[in-house]
Amino acid sequence: MKPTKMRNKMIYQATFQIKSKQLGSALSKDLHKKYGKRSIRVIKGDSITILRGEFKGVDGKVSIVDTSKNSVAIEGIKKEKTKGDKFDVYIHTSNLVVTSLNTDDKWRIRKLESKETKGADKTKVKEDES
């Protein structure tokens, strides 16, 4: 099978678990330092900043997460049709940075906090050897 067909199959016919991983977005620098993790799956209620595209630099909260489109809709970002109707703009999660997390899900926060930083593990091993 050609590589492009393989890639398309992996993206568009992925299982829910893999699609969930595709909805990951980078964490801001302070969250990265706090949790020792670079990215996280975006959920409804997270505060984000848009890095790319027409709405670059806009801050907002995630209102809808669409797994079929691998993208999210953000509160306050809408486009207008010619007839005057407004509709949500969906933005791919790779173009976002999470600035603050929705802390309603205690399991998610506990999992983030239990993850130790990679640098801390190395220094701990060196101290034990001495």
C-alpha atoms as a PDB file:
ATOM      1  CA  MET A   1       0.000   0.000   0.000  1.00  0.00           C
ATOM      2  CA  LYS A   2       1.275   3.488  -0.841  1.00  0.00           C
ATOM      3  CA  PRO A   3       2.434   5.679   2.057  1.00  0.00           C
ATOM      4  CA  THR A   4      -0.267   8.286   1.433  1.00  0.00           C
ATOM      5  CA  LYS A   5      -2.975   5.619   1.608  1.00  0.00           C
ATOM      6  CA  MET A   6      -1.480   4.296   4.834  1.00  0.00           C
ATOM      7  CA  ARG A   7      -1.350   7.807   6.312  1.00  0.00           C
ATOM      8  CA  ASN A   8      -4.940   8.551   5.313  1.00  0.00           C
ATOM      9  CA  LYS A   9      -6.077   5.259   6.819  1.00  0.00           C
ATOM     10  CA  MET A  10      -4.273   6.059  10.061  1.00  0.00           C
ATOM     11  CA  ILE A  11      -5.849   9.521  10.240  1.00  0.00           C
ATOM     12  CA  TYR A  12      -9.377   9.067   8.928  1.00  0.00           C
ATOM     13  CA  GLN A  13     -10.157   5.469   9.927  1.00  0.00           C
ATOM     14  CA  ALA A  14      -8.492   5.618  13.332  1.00  0.00           C
ATOM     15  CA  THR A  15     -10.007   4.114  16.455  1.00  0.00           C
ATOM     16  CA  PHE A  16     -11.407   6.402  19.162  1.00  0.00           C
ATOM     17  CA  GLN A  17      -8.292   5.973  21.329  1.00  0.00           C
ATOM     18  CA  ILE A  18      -6.015   7.071  18.484  1.00  0.00           C
ATOM     19  CA  LYS A  19      -8.360   9.932  17.522  1.00  0.00           C
ATOM     20  CA  SER A  20      -8.158  11.085  21.133  1.00  0.00           C
ATOM     21  CA  LYS A  21      -4.366  11.277  20.833  1.00  0.00           C
ATOM     22  CA  GLN A  22      -4.760  13.262  17.600  1.00  0.00           C
ATOM     23  CA  LEU A  23      -6.668  15.907  19.600  1.00  0.00           C
ATOM     24  CA  GLY A  24      -3.576  16.740  21.638  1.00  0.00           C
ATOM     25  CA  SER A  25      -2.340  20.295  21.962  1.00  0.00           C
ATOM     26  CA  ALA A  26       0.821  21.849  23.394  1.00  0.00           C
ATOM     27  CA  LEU A  27       0.909  23.154  26.951  1.00  0.00           C
ATOM     28  CA  SER A  28       2.092  26.692  27.714  1.00  0.00           C
ATOM     29  CA  LYS A  29       5.593  27.123  29.153  1.00  0.00           C
ATOM     30  CA  ASP A  30       4.437  27.545  32.757  1.00  0.00           C
ATOM     31  CA  LEU A  31       2.131  24.474  32.572  1.00  0.00           C
ATOM     32  CA  HIS A  32       4.960  22.527  30.920  1.00  0.00           C
ATOM     33  CA  LYS A  33       7.262  23.369  33.846  1.00  0.00           C
ATOM     34  CA  LYS A  34       4.567  22.599  36.419  1.00  0.00           C
ATOM     35  CA  TYR A  35       3.519  19.190  35.059  1.00  0.00           C
ATOM     36  CA  GLY A  36       6.631  18.118  33.122  1.00  0.00           C
ATOM     37  CA  LYS A  37       4.581  17.288  30.053  1.00  0.00           C
ATOM     38  CA  ARG A  38       4.611  18.984  26.646  1.00  0.00           C
ATOM     39  CA  SER A  39       1.106  18.246  25.389  1.00  0.00           C
ATOM     40  CA  ILE A  40      -2.324  17.143  26.537  1.00  0.00           C
ATOM     41  CA  ARG A  41      -5.672  16.211  25.029  1.00  0.00           C
ATOM     42  CA  VAL A  42      -7.907  19.262  24.752  1.00  0.00           C
ATOM     43  CA  ILE A  43     -11.298  19.053  26.491  1.00  0.00           C
ATOM     44  CA  LYS A  44     -14.263  21.381  26.843  1.00  0.00           C
ATOM     45  CA  GLY A  45     -13.505  24.221  29.258  1.00  0.00           C
ATOM     46  CA  ASP A  46      -9.741  24.521  28.664  1.00  0.00           C
ATOM     47  CA  SER A  47      -8.433  28.036  28.013  1.00  0.00           C
ATOM     48  CA  ILE A  48      -6.333  28.268  24.861  1.00  0.00           C
ATOM     49  CA  THR A  49      -4.420  30.675  22.638  1.00  0.00           C
ATOM     50  CA  ILE A  50      -4.460  30.309  18.850  1.00  0.00           C
ATOM     51  CA  LEU A  51      -1.010  30.259  17.227  1.00  0.00           C
ATOM     52  CA  ARG A  52      -1.788  29.977  13.514  1.00  0.00           C
ATOM     53  CA  GLY A  53      -4.341  31.061  10.970  1.00  0.00           C
ATOM     54  CA  GLU A  54      -6.845  33.867  10.627  1.00  0.00           C
ATOM     55  CA  PHE A  55      -7.510  34.116  14.374  1.00  0.00           C
ATOM     56  CA  LYS A  56      -3.846  34.086  15.462  1.00  0.00           C
ATOM     57  CA  GLY A  57      -3.319  35.518  18.952  1.00  0.00           C
ATOM     58  CA  VAL A  58      -6.941  35.117  20.087  1.00  0.00           C
ATOM     59  CA  ASP A  59      -7.555  33.730  23.578  1.00  0.00           C
ATOM     60  CA  GLY A  60     -10.684  31.814  24.510  1.00  0.00           C
ATOM     61  CA  LYS A  61     -12.281  28.752  26.035  1.00  0.00           C
ATOM     62  CA  VAL A  62     -13.007  25.535  24.191  1.00  0.00           C
ATOM     63  CA  SER A  63     -16.774  25.156  23.700  1.00  0.00           C
ATOM     64  CA  ILE A  64     -16.985  22.091  21.410  1.00  0.00           C
ATOM     65  CA  VAL A  65     -14.526  19.253  20.768  1.00  0.00           C
ATOM     66  CA  ASP A  66     -15.238  17.450  17.477  1.00  0.00           C
ATOM     67  CA  THR A  67     -13.399  14.137  17.157  1.00  0.00           C
ATOM     68  CA  SER A  68     -14.568  13.567  13.582  1.00  0.00           C
ATOM     69  CA  LYS A  69     -12.946  16.822  12.409  1.00  0.00           C
ATOM     70  CA  ASN A  70      -9.965  16.606  14.821  1.00  0.00           C
ATOM     71  CA  SER A  71     -10.662  20.193  15.784  1.00  0.00           C
ATOM     72  CA  VAL A  72     -12.306  22.415  18.377  1.00  0.00           C
ATOM     73  CA  ALA A  73     -14.678  25.374  18.404  1.00  0.00           C
ATOM     74  CA  ILE A  74     -13.805  28.292  20.663  1.00  0.00           C
ATOM     75  CA  GLU A  75     -16.231  30.586  22.452  1.00  0.00           C
ATOM     76  CA  GLY A  76     -16.520  33.980  20.779  1.00  0.00           C
ATOM     77  CA  ILE A  77     -14.981  32.939  17.451  1.00  0.00           C
ATOM     78  CA  LYS A  78     -17.636  32.878  14.774  1.00  0.00           C
ATOM     79  CA  LYS A  79     -17.874  33.729  11.097  1.00  0.00           C
ATOM     80  CA  GLU A  80     -20.802  35.317   9.358  1.00  0.00           C
ATOM     81  CA  LYS A  81     -22.560  33.980   6.272  1.00  0.00           C
ATOM     82  CA  THR A  82     -23.798  36.282   3.506  1.00  0.00           C
ATOM     83  CA  LYS A  83     -27.363  35.978   4.812  1.00  0.00           C
ATOM     84  CA  GLY A  84     -26.260  37.125   8.273  1.00  0.00           C
ATOM     85  CA  ASP A  85     -26.227  33.785  10.086  1.00  0.00           C
ATOM     86  CA  LYS A  86     -23.234  33.068  12.313  1.00  0.00           C
ATOM     87  CA  PHE A  87     -21.470  29.715  12.616  1.00  0.00           C
ATOM     88  CA  ASP A  88     -18.643  28.256  14.702  1.00  0.00           C
ATOM     89  CA  VAL A  89     -15.131  28.172  13.314  1.00  0.00           C
ATOM     90  CA  TYR A  90     -13.335  24.869  13.948  1.00  0.00           C
ATOM     91  CA  ILE A  91      -9.582  25.066  14.530  1.00  0.00           C
ATOM     92  CA  HIS A  92      -7.180  22.117  14.483  1.00  0.00           C
ATOM     93  CA  THR A  93      -5.681  21.342  17.892  1.00  0.00           C
ATOM     94  CA  SER A  94      -2.098  21.445  16.594  1.00  0.00           C
ATOM     95  CA  ASN A  95      -2.544  25.199  16.096  1.00  0.00           C
ATOM     96  CA  LEU A  96      -3.382  25.840  19.761  1.00  0.00           C
ATOM     97  CA  VAL A  97      -1.560  26.247  23.065  1.00  0.00           C
ATOM     98  CA  VAL A  98      -3.362  25.370  26.304  1.00  0.00           C
ATOM     99  CA  THR A  99      -2.919  28.237  28.787  1.00  0.00           C
ATOM    100  CA  SER A 100      -5.070  26.882  31.643  1.00  0.00           C
ATOM    101  CA  LEU A 101      -6.713  23.534  32.260  1.00  0.00           C
ATOM    102  CA  ASN A 102     -10.283  22.608  33.095  1.00  0.00           C
ATOM    103  CA  THR A 103      -9.896  21.127  36.594  1.00  0.00           C
ATOM    104  CA  ASP A 104     -13.349  19.495  36.820  1.00  0.00           C
ATOM    105  CA  ASP A 105     -11.904  16.079  35.923  1.00  0.00           C
ATOM    106  CA  LYS A 106      -9.917  15.024  39.002  1.00  0.00           C
ATOM    107  CA  TRP A 107      -8.566  11.896  37.257  1.00  0.00           C
ATOM    108  CA  ARG A 108      -7.000  14.016  34.518  1.00  0.00           C
ATOM    109  CA  ILE A 109      -5.268  16.334  36.995  1.00  0.00           C
ATOM    110  CA  ARG A 110      -4.084  13.425  39.175  1.00  0.00           C
ATOM    111  CA  LYS A 111      -2.595  11.731  36.109  1.00  0.00           C
ATOM    112  CA  LEU A 112      -0.816  14.956  35.100  1.00  0.00           C
ATOM    113  CA  GLU A 113       0.616  15.557  38.580  1.00  0.00           C
ATOM    114  CA  SER A 114       1.845  11.988  39.016  1.00  0.00           C
ATOM    115  CA  LYS A 115       3.946  12.295  35.847  1.00  0.00           C
ATOM    116  CA  GLU A 116       7.461  13.274  36.943  1.00  0.00           C
ATOM    117  CA  THR A 117       9.736  15.358  34.756  1.00  0.00           C
ATOM    118  CA  LYS A 118      12.367  13.544  32.738  1.00  0.00           C
ATOM    119  CA  GLY A 119      15.188  15.718  34.118  1.00  0.00           C
ATOM    120  CA  ALA A 120      14.161  15.007  37.716  1.00  0.00           C
ATOM    121  CA  ASP A 121      14.424  11.239  37.132  1.00  0.00           C
ATOM    122  CA  LYS A 122      18.027  11.544  35.883  1.00  0.00           C
ATOM    123  CA  THR A 123      19.161  13.696  38.800  1.00  0.00           C
ATOM    124  CA  LYS A 124      17.516  11.313  41.271  1.00  0.00           C
ATOM    125  CA  VAL A 125      19.426   8.343  39.791  1.00  0.00           C
ATOM    126  CA  LYS A 126      22.734  10.256  39.938  1.00  0.00           C
ATOM    127  CA  GLU A 127      22.176  11.150  43.609  1.00  0.00           C
ATOM    128  CA  ASP A 128      21.449   7.503  44.467  1.00  0.00           C
ATOM    129  CA  GLU A 129      24.687   6.335  42.801  1.00  0.00           C
ATOM    130  CA  SER A 130      26.854   8.790  44.766  1.00  0.00           C
END
